[in-house]
Amino acid sequence: MSKQDESIRPWGNYEILLDADYCKVKRIFVKPGQRLSYQYHHKRQEAWTVVSGVARITLDDVTEDYKPGETVLIPLGAKHRMANPSDSEDMILVEVQTGTYFGEDDIVRVQDDYDRPEKHKSE
């Protein structure tokens, strides 16, 4: 895995496992007690499969916990967020993006714990 395939974020990090014209696949690590921004995308949908820990996932204002092996589908334009409710272990999930564009600038933040801009810019 090269440095360009990994990205450190305030909530944890992710690794790009596949970056193709037809999809992008990431392994996402969320630190204990952390969560990503509440966001949506204009050009892609996502499927999240929990690998380790418990994922607290909010999809269009409904929050549910998912265990390893469980998958949630995030439709195009749906507001979503993942969080790690554990106070001691990382949460790991695999994200598969499909659609017409997979750039990080297709993120519109509705709410963010880290005061990042509403529209994603390279961080």
PDB file of N, CA and C in Angstrom:
ATOM      1  N   MET A   1       0.857  -1.171   0.000  1.00  0.00           N
ATOM      2  CA  MET A   1       0.000   0.000   0.000  1.00  0.00           C
ATOM      3  C   MET A   1       0.906   1.239   0.000  1.00  0.00           C
ATOM      4  N   SER A   2       0.724   2.103  -0.969  1.00  0.00           N
ATOM      5  CA  SER A   2       1.532   3.315  -1.037  1.00  0.00           C
ATOM      6  C   SER A   2       0.908   4.412  -0.177  1.00  0.00           C
ATOM      7  N   LYS A   3       1.702   5.442   0.111  1.00  0.00           N
ATOM      8  CA  LYS A   3       1.197   6.549   0.926  1.00  0.00           C
ATOM      9  C   LYS A   3      -0.009   7.217   0.279  1.00  0.00           C
ATOM     10  N   GLN A   4      -0.042   7.289  -1.059  1.00  0.00           N
ATOM     11  CA  GLN A   4      -1.172   7.931  -1.724  1.00  0.00           C
ATOM     12  C   GLN A   4      -2.448   7.107  -1.606  1.00  0.00           C
ATOM     13  N   ASP A   5      -2.338   5.837  -1.229  1.00  0.00           N
ATOM     14  CA  ASP A   5      -3.508   4.979  -1.067  1.00  0.00           C
ATOM     15  C   ASP A   5      -4.075   5.031   0.350  1.00  0.00           C
ATOM     16  N   GLU A   6      -3.426   5.767   1.248  1.00  0.00           N
ATOM     17  CA  GLU A   6      -3.880   5.879   2.632  1.00  0.00           C
ATOM     18  C   GLU A   6      -4.106   7.352   2.961  1.00  0.00           C
ATOM     19  N   SER A   7      -5.140   7.616   3.744  1.00  0.00           N
ATOM     20  CA  SER A   7      -5.448   8.994   4.115  1.00  0.00           C
ATOM     21  C   SER A   7      -5.797   9.055   5.598  1.00  0.00           C
ATOM     22  N   ILE A   8      -5.101   9.925   6.327  1.00  0.00           N
ATOM     23  CA  ILE A   8      -5.344  10.122   7.754  1.00  0.00           C
ATOM     24  C   ILE A   8      -6.402  11.214   7.906  1.00  0.00           C
ATOM     25  N   ARG A   9      -7.367  10.978   8.777  1.00  0.00           N
ATOM     26  CA  ARG A   9      -8.445  11.926   9.041  1.00  0.00           C
ATOM     27  C   ARG A   9      -8.559  12.119  10.554  1.00  0.00           C
ATOM     28  N   PRO A  10      -9.275  13.157  11.024  1.00  0.00           N
ATOM     29  CA  PRO A  10      -9.411  13.371  12.476  1.00  0.00           C
ATOM     30  C   PRO A  10     -10.090  12.199  13.188  1.00  0.00           C
ATOM     31  N   TRP A  11     -10.953  11.470  12.504  1.00  0.00           N
ATOM     32  CA  TRP A  11     -11.712  10.360  13.082  1.00  0.00           C
ATOM     33  C   TRP A  11     -11.015   9.011  12.957  1.00  0.00           C
ATOM     34  N   GLY A  12      -9.919   8.938  12.191  1.00  0.00           N
ATOM     35  CA  GLY A  12      -9.226   7.669  11.950  1.00  0.00           C
ATOM     36  C   GLY A  12      -8.483   7.723  10.630  1.00  0.00           C
ATOM     37  N   ASN A  13      -8.644   6.694   9.793  1.00  0.00           N
ATOM     38  CA  ASN A  13      -8.007   6.704   8.481  1.00  0.00           C
ATOM     39  C   ASN A  13      -8.704   5.725   7.547  1.00  0.00           C
ATOM     40  N   TYR A  14      -8.338   5.818   6.266  1.00  0.00           N
ATOM     41  CA  TYR A  14      -8.819   4.827   5.307  1.00  0.00           C
ATOM     42  C   TYR A  14      -7.709   4.465   4.341  1.00  0.00           C
ATOM     43  N   GLU A  15      -7.837   3.262   3.772  1.00  0.00           N
ATOM     44  CA  GLU A  15      -6.928   2.772   2.749  1.00  0.00           C
ATOM     45  C   GLU A  15      -7.746   2.472   1.501  1.00  0.00           C
ATOM     46  N   ILE A  16      -7.245   2.878   0.351  1.00  0.00           N
ATOM     47  CA  ILE A  16      -7.906   2.553  -0.908  1.00  0.00           C
ATOM     48  C   ILE A  16      -7.417   1.182  -1.355  1.00  0.00           C
ATOM     49  N   LEU A  17      -8.343   0.234  -1.463  1.00  0.00           N
ATOM     50  CA  LEU A  17      -8.012  -1.125  -1.880  1.00  0.00           C
ATOM     51  C   LEU A  17      -8.132  -1.294  -3.386  1.00  0.00           C
ATOM     52  N   LEU A  18      -9.057  -0.544  -4.011  1.00  0.00           N
ATOM     53  CA  LEU A  18      -9.269  -0.604  -5.460  1.00  0.00           C
ATOM     54  C   LEU A  18      -9.781   0.747  -5.918  1.00  0.00           C
ATOM     55  N   ASP A  19      -9.193   1.276  -6.972  1.00  0.00           N
ATOM     56  CA  ASP A  19      -9.646   2.537  -7.565  1.00  0.00           C
ATOM     57  C   ASP A  19      -9.749   2.312  -9.066  1.00  0.00           C
ATOM     58  N   ALA A  20     -10.951   2.010  -9.537  1.00  0.00           N
ATOM     59  CA  ALA A  20     -11.189   1.678 -10.941  1.00  0.00           C
ATOM     60  C   ALA A  20     -12.218   2.640 -11.528  1.00  0.00           C
ATOM     61  N   ASP A  21     -12.407   2.571 -12.825  1.00  0.00           N
ATOM     62  CA  ASP A  21     -13.408   3.418 -13.482  1.00  0.00           C
ATOM     63  C   ASP A  21     -14.820   3.099 -13.017  1.00  0.00           C
ATOM     64  N   TYR A  22     -15.071   1.861 -12.627  1.00  0.00           N
ATOM     65  CA  TYR A  22     -16.425   1.399 -12.304  1.00  0.00           C
ATOM     66  C   TYR A  22     -16.730   1.383 -10.806  1.00  0.00           C
ATOM     67  N   CYS A  23     -15.701   1.482  -9.941  1.00  0.00           N
ATOM     68  CA  CYS A  23     -15.938   1.505  -8.495  1.00  0.00           C
ATOM     69  C   CYS A  23     -14.670   1.905  -7.755  1.00  0.00           C
ATOM     70  N   LYS A  24     -14.849   2.245  -6.472  1.00  0.00           N
ATOM     71  CA  LYS A  24     -13.725   2.463  -5.558  1.00  0.00           C
ATOM     72  C   LYS A  24     -14.036   1.682  -4.292  1.00  0.00           C
ATOM     73  N   VAL A  25     -13.008   1.007  -3.742  1.00  0.00           N
ATOM     74  CA  VAL A  25     -13.172   0.216  -2.523  1.00  0.00           C
ATOM     75  C   VAL A  25     -12.180   0.727  -1.480  1.00  0.00           C
ATOM     76  N   LYS A  26     -12.701   1.014  -0.279  1.00  0.00           N
ATOM     77  CA  LYS A  26     -11.873   1.500   0.826  1.00  0.00           C
ATOM     78  C   LYS A  26     -12.056   0.610   2.052  1.00  0.00           C
ATOM     79  N   ARG A  27     -10.981   0.473   2.828  1.00  0.00           N
ATOM     80  CA  ARG A  27     -11.075  -0.090   4.177  1.00  0.00           C
ATOM     81  C   ARG A  27     -10.960   1.108   5.114  1.00  0.00           C
ATOM     82  N   ILE A  28     -11.988   1.292   5.955  1.00  0.00           N
ATOM     83  CA  ILE A  28     -12.086   2.472   6.810  1.00  0.00           C
ATOM     84  C   ILE A  28     -11.916   2.063   8.271  1.00  0.00           C
ATOM     85  N   PHE A  29     -11.046   2.772   8.985  1.00  0.00           N
ATOM     86  CA  PHE A  29     -10.784   2.545  10.405  1.00  0.00           C
ATOM     87  C   PHE A  29     -11.280   3.772  11.164  1.00  0.00           C
ATOM     88  N   VAL A  30     -12.228   3.583  12.089  1.00  0.00           N
ATOM     89  CA  VAL A  30     -12.746   4.695  12.887  1.00  0.00           C
ATOM     90  C   VAL A  30     -12.313   4.486  14.338  1.00  0.00           C
ATOM     91  N   LYS A  31     -11.631   5.491  14.892  1.00  0.00           N
ATOM     92  CA  LYS A  31     -11.130   5.410  16.263  1.00  0.00           C
ATOM     93  C   LYS A  31     -12.289   5.372  17.266  1.00  0.00           C
ATOM     94  N   PRO A  32     -12.042   4.811  18.454  1.00  0.00           N
ATOM     95  CA  PRO A  32     -13.086   4.756  19.485  1.00  0.00           C
ATOM     96  C   PRO A  32     -13.679   6.134  19.774  1.00  0.00           C
ATOM     97  N   GLY A  33     -15.008   6.182  19.833  1.00  0.00           N
ATOM     98  CA  GLY A  33     -15.708   7.409  20.175  1.00  0.00           C
ATOM     99  C   GLY A  33     -15.764   8.457  19.074  1.00  0.00           C
ATOM    100  N   GLN A  34     -15.281   8.141  17.889  1.00  0.00           N
ATOM    101  CA  GLN A  34     -15.234   9.121  16.799  1.00  0.00           C
ATOM    102  C   GLN A  34     -16.317   8.830  15.759  1.00  0.00           C
ATOM    103  N   ARG A  35     -16.598   9.849  14.930  1.00  0.00           N
ATOM    104  CA  ARG A  35     -17.565   9.670  13.850  1.00  0.00           C
ATOM    105  C   ARG A  35     -17.204  10.579  12.682  1.00  0.00           C
ATOM    106  N   LEU A  36     -17.651  10.183  11.507  1.00  0.00           N
ATOM    107  CA  LEU A  36     -17.438  10.961  10.299  1.00  0.00           C
ATOM    108  C   LEU A  36     -18.501  12.041  10.204  1.00  0.00           C
ATOM    109  N   SER A  37     -18.334  12.947   9.257  1.00  0.00           N
ATOM    110  CA  SER A  37     -19.335  13.994   9.058  1.00  0.00           C
ATOM    111  C   SER A  37     -20.642  13.385   8.561  1.00  0.00           C
ATOM    112  N   TYR A  38     -21.743  14.080   8.852  1.00  0.00           N
ATOM    113  CA  TYR A  38     -23.049  13.725   8.296  1.00  0.00           C
ATOM    114  C   TYR A  38     -23.047  14.345   6.912  1.00  0.00           C
ATOM    115  N   GLN A  39     -23.159  13.531   5.861  1.00  0.00           N
ATOM    116  CA  GLN A  39     -22.863  13.976   4.513  1.00  0.00           C
ATOM    117  C   GLN A  39     -23.725  13.274   3.485  1.00  0.00           C
ATOM    118  N   TYR A  40     -23.618  13.745   2.252  1.00  0.00           N
ATOM    119  CA  TYR A  40     -24.242  13.052   1.122  1.00  0.00           C
ATOM    120  C   TYR A  40     -23.394  13.288  -0.121  1.00  0.00           C
ATOM    121  N   HIS A  41     -23.709  12.535  -1.177  1.00  0.00           N
ATOM    122  CA  HIS A  41     -22.965  12.600  -2.432  1.00  0.00           C
ATOM    123  C   HIS A  41     -23.927  12.796  -3.598  1.00  0.00           C
ATOM    124  N   HIS A  42     -23.471  13.524  -4.607  1.00  0.00           N
ATOM    125  CA  HIS A  42     -24.269  13.754  -5.812  1.00  0.00           C
ATOM    126  C   HIS A  42     -24.049  12.679  -6.875  1.00  0.00           C
ATOM    127  N   LYS A  43     -22.889  12.009  -6.853  1.00  0.00           N
ATOM    128  CA  LYS A  43     -22.515  11.168  -7.991  1.00  0.00           C
ATOM    129  C   LYS A  43     -22.213   9.719  -7.645  1.00  0.00           C
ATOM    130  N   ARG A  44     -22.430   9.321  -6.406  1.00  0.00           N
ATOM    131  CA  ARG A  44     -22.131   7.923  -6.062  1.00  0.00           C
ATOM    132  C   ARG A  44     -23.041   7.422  -4.952  1.00  0.00           C
ATOM    133  N   GLN A  45     -23.231   6.107  -4.954  1.00  0.00           N
ATOM    134  CA  GLN A  45     -23.864   5.418  -3.837  1.00  0.00           C
ATOM    135  C   GLN A  45     -22.792   4.529  -3.209  1.00  0.00           C
ATOM    136  N   GLU A  46     -23.078   4.042  -2.001  1.00  0.00           N
ATOM    137  CA  GLU A  46     -22.085   3.256  -1.280  1.00  0.00           C
ATOM    138  C   GLU A  46     -22.740   2.049  -0.619  1.00  0.00           C
ATOM    139  N   ALA A  47     -21.935   1.009  -0.431  1.00  0.00           N
ATOM    140  CA  ALA A  47     -22.325  -0.147   0.380  1.00  0.00           C
ATOM    141  C   ALA A  47     -21.258  -0.301   1.451  1.00  0.00           C
ATOM    142  N   TRP A  48     -21.694  -0.362   2.712  1.00  0.00           N
ATOM    143  CA  TRP A  48     -20.775  -0.494   3.837  1.00  0.00           C
ATOM    144  C   TRP A  48     -20.971  -1.854   4.488  1.00  0.00           C
ATOM    145  N   THR A  49     -19.881  -2.603   4.655  1.00  0.00           N
ATOM    146  CA  THR A  49     -19.917  -3.880   5.360  1.00  0.00           C
ATOM    147  C   THR A  49     -18.998  -3.789   6.574  1.00  0.00           C
ATOM    148  N   VAL A  50     -19.556  -4.057   7.742  1.00  0.00           N
ATOM    149  CA  VAL A  50     -18.778  -3.998   8.985  1.00  0.00           C
ATOM    150  C   VAL A  50     -17.869  -5.219   9.050  1.00  0.00           C
ATOM    151  N   VAL A  51     -16.592  -4.976   9.346  1.00  0.00           N
ATOM    152  CA  VAL A  51     -15.599  -6.042   9.456  1.00  0.00           C
ATOM    153  C   VAL A  51     -15.277  -6.330  10.921  1.00  0.00           C
ATOM    154  N   SER A  52     -15.149  -5.271  11.732  1.00  0.00           N
ATOM    155  CA  SER A  52     -14.759  -5.436  13.132  1.00  0.00           C
ATOM    156  C   SER A  52     -15.384  -4.327  13.966  1.00  0.00           C
ATOM    157  N   GLY A  53     -15.808  -4.681  15.170  1.00  0.00           N
ATOM    158  CA  GLY A  53     -16.430  -3.703  16.051  1.00  0.00           C
ATOM    159  C   GLY A  53     -17.895  -3.500  15.708  1.00  0.00           C
ATOM    160  N   VAL A  54     -18.469  -2.455  16.286  1.00  0.00           N
ATOM    161  CA  VAL A  54     -19.866  -2.088  16.021  1.00  0.00           C
ATOM    162  C   VAL A  54     -19.855  -0.755  15.288  1.00  0.00           C
ATOM    163  N   ALA A  55     -20.619  -0.675  14.207  1.00  0.00           N
ATOM    164  CA  ALA A  55     -20.764   0.580  13.467  1.00  0.00           C
ATOM    165  C   ALA A  55     -22.127   1.170  13.787  1.00  0.00           C
ATOM    166  N   ARG A  56     -22.135   2.384  14.287  1.00  0.00           N
ATOM    167  CA  ARG A  56     -23.389   3.111  14.513  1.00  0.00           C
ATOM    168  C   ARG A  56     -23.604   3.979  13.268  1.00  0.00           C
ATOM    169  N   ILE A  57     -24.586   3.594  12.466  1.00  0.00           N
ATOM    170  CA  ILE A  57     -24.788   4.220  11.164  1.00  0.00           C
ATOM    171  C   ILE A  57     -26.094   5.002  11.154  1.00  0.00           C
ATOM    172  N   THR A  58     -25.988   6.247  10.725  1.00  0.00           N
ATOM    173  CA  THR A  58     -27.163   7.101  10.549  1.00  0.00           C
ATOM    174  C   THR A  58     -27.407   7.240   9.055  1.00  0.00           C
ATOM    175  N   LEU A  59     -28.633   6.933   8.636  1.00  0.00           N
ATOM    176  CA  LEU A  59     -29.037   7.031   7.236  1.00  0.00           C
ATOM    177  C   LEU A  59     -30.336   7.814   7.195  1.00  0.00           C
ATOM    178  N   ASP A  60     -30.276   9.015   6.609  1.00  0.00           N
ATOM    179  CA  ASP A  60     -31.446   9.901   6.547  1.00  0.00           C
ATOM    180  C   ASP A  60     -32.146  10.014   7.903  1.00  0.00           C
ATOM    181  N   ASP A  61     -31.375  10.363   8.927  1.00  0.00           N
ATOM    182  CA  ASP A  61     -31.855  10.664  10.282  1.00  0.00           C
ATOM    183  C   ASP A  61     -32.324   9.451  11.089  1.00  0.00           C
ATOM    184  N   VAL A  62     -32.095   8.236  10.602  1.00  0.00           N
ATOM    185  CA  VAL A  62     -32.408   7.018  11.358  1.00  0.00           C
ATOM    186  C   VAL A  62     -31.079   6.351  11.709  1.00  0.00           C
ATOM    187  N   THR A  63     -30.852   6.090  13.012  1.00  0.00           N
ATOM    188  CA  THR A  63     -29.587   5.527  13.481  1.00  0.00           C
ATOM    189  C   THR A  63     -29.790   4.097  13.963  1.00  0.00           C
ATOM    190  N   GLU A  64     -28.920   3.193  13.480  1.00  0.00           N
ATOM    191  CA  GLU A  64     -28.943   1.785  13.887  1.00  0.00           C
ATOM    192  C   GLU A  64     -27.518   1.293  14.057  1.00  0.00           C
ATOM    193  N   ASP A  65     -27.346   0.271  14.905  1.00  0.00           N
ATOM    194  CA  ASP A  65     -26.047  -0.367  15.085  1.00  0.00           C
ATOM    195  C   ASP A  65     -25.947  -1.594  14.191  1.00  0.00           C
ATOM    196  N   TYR A  66     -24.755  -1.784  13.598  1.00  0.00           N
ATOM    197  CA  TYR A  66     -24.485  -2.918  12.714  1.00  0.00           C
ATOM    198  C   TYR A  66     -23.277  -3.669  13.254  1.00  0.00           C
ATOM    199  N   LYS A  67     -23.333  -5.003  13.166  1.00  0.00           N
ATOM    200  CA  LYS A  67     -22.272  -5.873  13.665  1.00  0.00           C
ATOM    201  C   LYS A  67     -21.453  -6.430  12.503  1.00  0.00           C
ATOM    202  N   PRO A  68     -20.302  -7.046  12.798  1.00  0.00           N
ATOM    203  CA  PRO A  68     -19.487  -7.631  11.735  1.00  0.00           C
ATOM    204  C   PRO A  68     -20.310  -8.564  10.839  1.00  0.00           C
ATOM    205  N   GLY A  69     -20.104  -8.406   9.538  1.00  0.00           N
ATOM    206  CA  GLY A  69     -20.819  -9.200   8.544  1.00  0.00           C
ATOM    207  C   GLY A  69     -22.083  -8.542   8.031  1.00  0.00           C
ATOM    208  N   GLU A  70     -22.561  -7.505   8.713  1.00  0.00           N
ATOM    209  CA  GLU A  70     -23.780  -6.820   8.266  1.00  0.00           C
ATOM    210  C   GLU A  70     -23.421  -5.692   7.302  1.00  0.00           C
ATOM    211  N   THR A  71     -24.318  -5.467   6.341  1.00  0.00           N
ATOM    212  CA  THR A  71     -24.103  -4.478   5.285  1.00  0.00           C
ATOM    213  C   THR A  71     -25.263  -3.502   5.242  1.00  0.00           C
ATOM    214  N   VAL A  72     -24.956  -2.240   4.966  1.00  0.00           N
ATOM    215  CA  VAL A  72     -25.986  -1.219   4.758  1.00  0.00           C
ATOM    216  C   VAL A  72     -25.712  -0.555   3.411  1.00  0.00           C
ATOM    217  N   LEU A  73     -26.782  -0.298   2.659  1.00  0.00           N
ATOM    218  CA  LEU A  73     -26.678   0.373   1.368  1.00  0.00           C
ATOM    219  C   LEU A  73     -27.019   1.848   1.538  1.00  0.00           C
ATOM    220  N   ILE A  74     -26.175   2.716   1.004  1.00  0.00           N
ATOM    221  CA  ILE A  74     -26.351   4.164   1.087  1.00  0.00           C
ATOM    222  C   ILE A  74     -26.725   4.654  -0.316  1.00  0.00           C
ATOM    223  N   PRO A  75     -28.004   4.970  -0.561  1.00  0.00           N
ATOM    224  CA  PRO A  75     -28.405   5.409  -1.901  1.00  0.00           C
ATOM    225  C   PRO A  75     -27.815   6.774  -2.270  1.00  0.00           C
ATOM    226  N   LEU A  76     -27.724   7.028  -3.549  1.00  0.00           N
ATOM    227  CA  LEU A  76     -27.295   8.319  -4.071  1.00  0.00           C
ATOM    228  C   LEU A  76     -28.125   9.434  -3.438  1.00  0.00           C
ATOM    229  N   GLY A  77     -27.457  10.444  -2.891  1.00  0.00           N
ATOM    230  CA  GLY A  77     -28.146  11.593  -2.313  1.00  0.00           C
ATOM    231  C   GLY A  77     -28.629  11.420  -0.885  1.00  0.00           C
ATOM    232  N   ALA A  78     -28.511  10.224  -0.311  1.00  0.00           N
ATOM    233  CA  ALA A  78     -28.967   9.991   1.066  1.00  0.00           C
ATOM    234  C   ALA A  78     -27.945  10.553   2.057  1.00  0.00           C
ATOM    235  N   LYS A  79     -28.429  11.235   3.088  1.00  0.00           N
ATOM    236  CA  LYS A  79     -27.546  11.722   4.149  1.00  0.00           C
ATOM    237  C   LYS A  79     -27.111  10.519   4.985  1.00  0.00           C
ATOM    238  N   HIS A  80     -25.831  10.482   5.337  1.00  0.00           N
ATOM    239  CA  HIS A  80     -25.315   9.326   6.067  1.00  0.00           C
ATOM    240  C   HIS A  80     -24.092   9.693   6.897  1.00  0.00           C
ATOM    241  N   ARG A  81     -23.862   8.828   7.895  1.00  0.00           N
ATOM    242  CA  ARG A  81     -22.710   8.993   8.781  1.00  0.00           C
ATOM    243  C   ARG A  81     -22.427   7.644   9.424  1.00  0.00           C
ATOM    244  N   MET A  82     -21.150   7.382   9.688  1.00  0.00           N
ATOM    245  CA  MET A  82     -20.764   6.214  10.482  1.00  0.00           C
ATOM    246  C   MET A  82     -20.061   6.704  11.732  1.00  0.00           C
ATOM    247  N   ALA A  83     -20.255   5.963  12.831  1.00  0.00           N
ATOM    248  CA  ALA A  83     -19.630   6.306  14.102  1.00  0.00           C
ATOM    249  C   ALA A  83     -19.190   5.028  14.795  1.00  0.00           C
ATOM    250  N   ASN A  84     -18.197   5.167  15.660  1.00  0.00           N
ATOM    251  CA  ASN A  84     -17.720   4.053  16.466  1.00  0.00           C
ATOM    252  C   ASN A  84     -18.129   4.305  17.917  1.00  0.00           C
ATOM    253  N   PRO A  85     -19.144   3.572  18.423  1.00  0.00           N
ATOM    254  CA  PRO A  85     -19.603   3.806  19.792  1.00  0.00           C
ATOM    255  C   PRO A  85     -18.690   3.206  20.870  1.00  0.00           C
ATOM    256  N   SER A  86     -17.712   2.406  20.475  1.00  0.00           N
ATOM    257  CA  SER A  86     -16.814   1.777  21.447  1.00  0.00           C
ATOM    258  C   SER A  86     -15.916   2.821  22.105  1.00  0.00           C
ATOM    259  N   ASP A  87     -15.545   2.555  23.348  1.00  0.00           N
ATOM    260  CA  ASP A  87     -14.573   3.435  24.001  1.00  0.00           C
ATOM    261  C   ASP A  87     -13.177   2.820  24.015  1.00  0.00           C
ATOM    262  N   SER A  88     -13.011   1.646  23.362  1.00  0.00           N
ATOM    263  CA  SER A  88     -11.706   0.992  23.438  1.00  0.00           C
ATOM    264  C   SER A  88     -11.215   0.331  22.151  1.00  0.00           C
ATOM    265  N   GLU A  89     -12.087   0.035  21.183  1.00  0.00           N
ATOM    266  CA  GLU A  89     -11.605  -0.678  19.997  1.00  0.00           C
ATOM    267  C   GLU A  89     -11.981   0.046  18.709  1.00  0.00           C
ATOM    268  N   ASP A  90     -11.073  -0.037  17.732  1.00  0.00           N
ATOM    269  CA  ASP A  90     -11.356   0.534  16.421  1.00  0.00           C
ATOM    270  C   ASP A  90     -12.531  -0.185  15.775  1.00  0.00           C
ATOM    271  N   MET A  91     -13.287   0.544  14.968  1.00  0.00           N
ATOM    272  CA  MET A  91     -14.320  -0.046  14.127  1.00  0.00           C
ATOM    273  C   MET A  91     -13.754  -0.064  12.711  1.00  0.00           C
ATOM    274  N   ILE A  92     -13.895  -1.190  12.033  1.00  0.00           N
ATOM    275  CA  ILE A  92     -13.381  -1.322  10.672  1.00  0.00           C
ATOM    276  C   ILE A  92     -14.528  -1.723   9.765  1.00  0.00           C
ATOM    277  N   LEU A  93     -14.627  -1.040   8.627  1.00  0.00           N
ATOM    278  CA  LEU A  93     -15.600  -1.468   7.631  1.00  0.00           C
ATOM    279  C   LEU A  93     -15.016  -1.313   6.246  1.00  0.00           C
ATOM    280  N   VAL A  94     -15.635  -2.007   5.294  1.00  0.00           N
ATOM    281  CA  VAL A  94     -15.258  -1.906   3.888  1.00  0.00           C
ATOM    282  C   VAL A  94     -16.362  -1.144   3.176  1.00  0.00           C
ATOM    283  N   GLU A  95     -15.960  -0.139   2.413  1.00  0.00           N
ATOM    284  CA  GLU A  95     -16.891   0.695   1.657  1.00  0.00           C
ATOM    285  C   GLU A  95     -16.680   0.432   0.170  1.00  0.00           C
ATOM    286  N   VAL A  96     -17.764   0.122  -0.538  1.00  0.00           N
ATOM    287  CA  VAL A  96     -17.723  -0.023  -1.992  1.00  0.00           C
ATOM    288  C   VAL A  96     -18.551   1.108  -2.591  1.00  0.00           C
ATOM    289  N   GLN A  97     -17.899   1.949  -3.374  1.00  0.00           N
ATOM    290  CA  GLN A  97     -18.572   3.071  -4.036  1.00  0.00           C
ATOM    291  C   GLN A  97     -18.851   2.701  -5.489  1.00  0.00           C
ATOM    292  N   THR A  98     -20.073   2.971  -5.947  1.00  0.00           N
ATOM    293  CA  THR A  98     -20.410   2.822  -7.357  1.00  0.00           C
ATOM    294  C   THR A  98     -21.123   4.088  -7.808  1.00  0.00           C
ATOM    295  N   GLY A  99     -21.005   4.399  -9.072  1.00  0.00           N
ATOM    296  CA  GLY A  99     -21.634   5.605  -9.600  1.00  0.00           C
ATOM    297  C   GLY A  99     -20.841   6.147 -10.762  1.00  0.00           C
ATOM    298  N   THR A 100     -20.881   7.471 -10.922  1.00  0.00           N
ATOM    299  CA  THR A 100     -20.228   8.089 -12.075  1.00  0.00           C
ATOM    300  C   THR A 100     -18.944   8.831 -11.719  1.00  0.00           C
ATOM    301  N   TYR A 101     -18.687   9.046 -10.413  1.00  0.00           N
ATOM    302  CA  TYR A 101     -17.503   9.798  -9.995  1.00  0.00           C
ATOM    303  C   TYR A 101     -17.205   9.455  -8.541  1.00  0.00           C
ATOM    304  N   PHE A 102     -15.914   9.257  -8.218  1.00  0.00           N
ATOM    305  CA  PHE A 102     -15.538   8.798  -6.880  1.00  0.00           C
ATOM    306  C   PHE A 102     -14.586   9.744  -6.151  1.00  0.00           C
ATOM    307  N   GLY A 103     -14.415  10.961  -6.634  1.00  0.00           N
ATOM    308  CA  GLY A 103     -13.497  11.912  -6.014  1.00  0.00           C
ATOM    309  C   GLY A 103     -13.971  12.356  -4.639  1.00  0.00           C
ATOM    310  N   GLU A 104     -13.004  12.711  -3.789  1.00  0.00           N
ATOM    311  CA  GLU A 104     -13.325  13.173  -2.437  1.00  0.00           C
ATOM    312  C   GLU A 104     -14.050  14.520  -2.450  1.00  0.00           C
ATOM    313  N   ASP A 105     -14.047  15.215  -3.594  1.00  0.00           N
ATOM    314  CA  ASP A 105     -14.767  16.485  -3.668  1.00  0.00           C
ATOM    315  C   ASP A 105     -16.265  16.296  -3.926  1.00  0.00           C
ATOM    316  N   ASP A 106     -16.737  15.040  -4.004  1.00  0.00           N
ATOM    317  CA  ASP A 106     -18.183  14.763  -4.079  1.00  0.00           C
ATOM    318  C   ASP A 106     -18.715  14.459  -2.673  1.00  0.00           C
ATOM    319  N   ILE A 107     -18.319  15.280  -1.723  1.00  0.00           N
ATOM    320  CA  ILE A 107     -18.809  15.173  -0.346  1.00  0.00           C
ATOM    321  C   ILE A 107     -19.437  16.514   0.018  1.00  0.00           C
ATOM    322  N   VAL A 108     -20.710  16.483   0.405  1.00  0.00           N
ATOM    323  CA  VAL A 108     -21.382  17.677   0.918  1.00  0.00           C
ATOM    324  C   VAL A 108     -21.678  17.405   2.387  1.00  0.00           C
ATOM    325  N   ARG A 109     -21.034  18.163   3.270  1.00  0.00           N
ATOM    326  CA  ARG A 109     -21.197  17.952   4.706  1.00  0.00           C
ATOM    327  C   ARG A 109     -22.411  18.707   5.223  1.00  0.00           C
ATOM    328  N   VAL A 110     -23.272  17.999   5.951  1.00  0.00           N
ATOM    329  CA  VAL A 110     -24.433  18.600   6.605  1.00  0.00           C
ATOM    330  C   VAL A 110     -24.044  19.023   8.022  1.00  0.00           C
ATOM    331  N   GLN A 111     -23.227  18.187   8.690  1.00  0.00           N
ATOM    332  CA  GLN A 111     -22.728  18.462  10.047  1.00  0.00           C
ATOM    333  C   GLN A 111     -21.373  17.797  10.181  1.00  0.00           C
ATOM    334  N   ASP A 112     -20.449  18.460  10.885  1.00  0.00           N
ATOM    335  CA  ASP A 112     -19.104  17.917  11.040  1.00  0.00           C
ATOM    336  C   ASP A 112     -18.561  18.277  12.418  1.00  0.00           C
ATOM    337  N   ASP A 113     -18.094  17.275  13.156  1.00  0.00           N
ATOM    338  CA  ASP A 113     -17.552  17.489  14.501  1.00  0.00           C
ATOM    339  C   ASP A 113     -16.213  18.229  14.490  1.00  0.00           C
ATOM    340  N   TYR A 114     -15.545  18.279  13.343  1.00  0.00           N
ATOM    341  CA  TYR A 114     -14.186  18.808  13.270  1.00  0.00           C
ATOM    342  C   TYR A 114     -14.129  20.157  12.552  1.00  0.00           C
ATOM    343  N   ASP A 115     -15.292  20.789  12.342  1.00  0.00           N
ATOM    344  CA  ASP A 115     -15.377  22.126  11.742  1.00  0.00           C
ATOM    345  C   ASP A 115     -14.707  22.224  10.371  1.00  0.00           C
ATOM    346  N   ARG A 116     -14.797  21.142   9.601  1.00  0.00           N
ATOM    347  CA  ARG A 116     -14.300  21.195   8.225  1.00  0.00           C
ATOM    348  C   ARG A 116     -15.349  21.867   7.341  1.00  0.00           C
ATOM    349  N   PRO A 117     -14.949  22.381   6.179  1.00  0.00           N
ATOM    350  CA  PRO A 117     -15.906  23.083   5.312  1.00  0.00           C
ATOM    351  C   PRO A 117     -17.032  22.173   4.838  1.00  0.00           C
ATOM    352  N   GLU A 118     -18.174  22.802   4.492  1.00  0.00           N
ATOM    353  CA  GLU A 118     -19.329  22.047   3.998  1.00  0.00           C
ATOM    354  C   GLU A 118     -18.962  21.256   2.751  1.00  0.00           C
ATOM    355  N   LYS A 119     -18.316  21.891   1.784  1.00  0.00           N
ATOM    356  CA  LYS A 119     -17.850  21.204   0.583  1.00  0.00           C
ATOM    357  C   LYS A 119     -16.437  20.729   0.853  1.00  0.00           C
ATOM    358  N   HIS A 120     -16.156  19.466   0.525  1.00  0.00           N
ATOM    359  CA  HIS A 120     -14.839  18.889   0.777  1.00  0.00           C
ATOM    360  C   HIS A 120     -13.781  19.576  -0.081  1.00  0.00           C
ATOM    361  N   LYS A 121     -12.648  19.856   0.548  1.00  0.00           N
ATOM    362  CA  LYS A 121     -11.457  20.303  -0.161  1.00  0.00           C
ATOM    363  C   LYS A 121     -10.331  19.393   0.305  1.00  0.00           C
ATOM    364  N   SER A 122      -9.300  19.255  -0.487  1.00  0.00           N
ATOM    365  CA  SER A 122      -8.177  18.405  -0.079  1.00  0.00           C
ATOM    366  C   SER A 122      -7.675  18.864   1.280  1.00  0.00           C
ATOM    367  N   GLU A 123      -7.488  17.897   2.177  1.00  0.00           N
ATOM    368  CA  GLU A 123      -7.104  18.243   3.554  1.00  0.00           C
ATOM    369  C   GLU A 123      -5.673  17.868   3.828  1.00  0.00           C
TER     370      GLU A 123
END
